[in-house]
């Protein structure tokens, strides 16, 4: 796993995926792209707000 944020590859971290943008990526094992308003799509994912996330791209191979 890898995490890209603030324009660079950053250190990995652990969190519960229930209700996050990562959950469908892991459960469906496919690419998911939320090009805008990702915080509105996953309001219970407090980490997105903490990061100031605007979009999300997740890949599970």
Foldseek 3Di string as FASTA:
>chain_A
DWDDAPHGTDDDDDDDCVLAPCVCCVVVQAKDKFPADRCVVRVVPVVCVVRVPGIDIDHGD
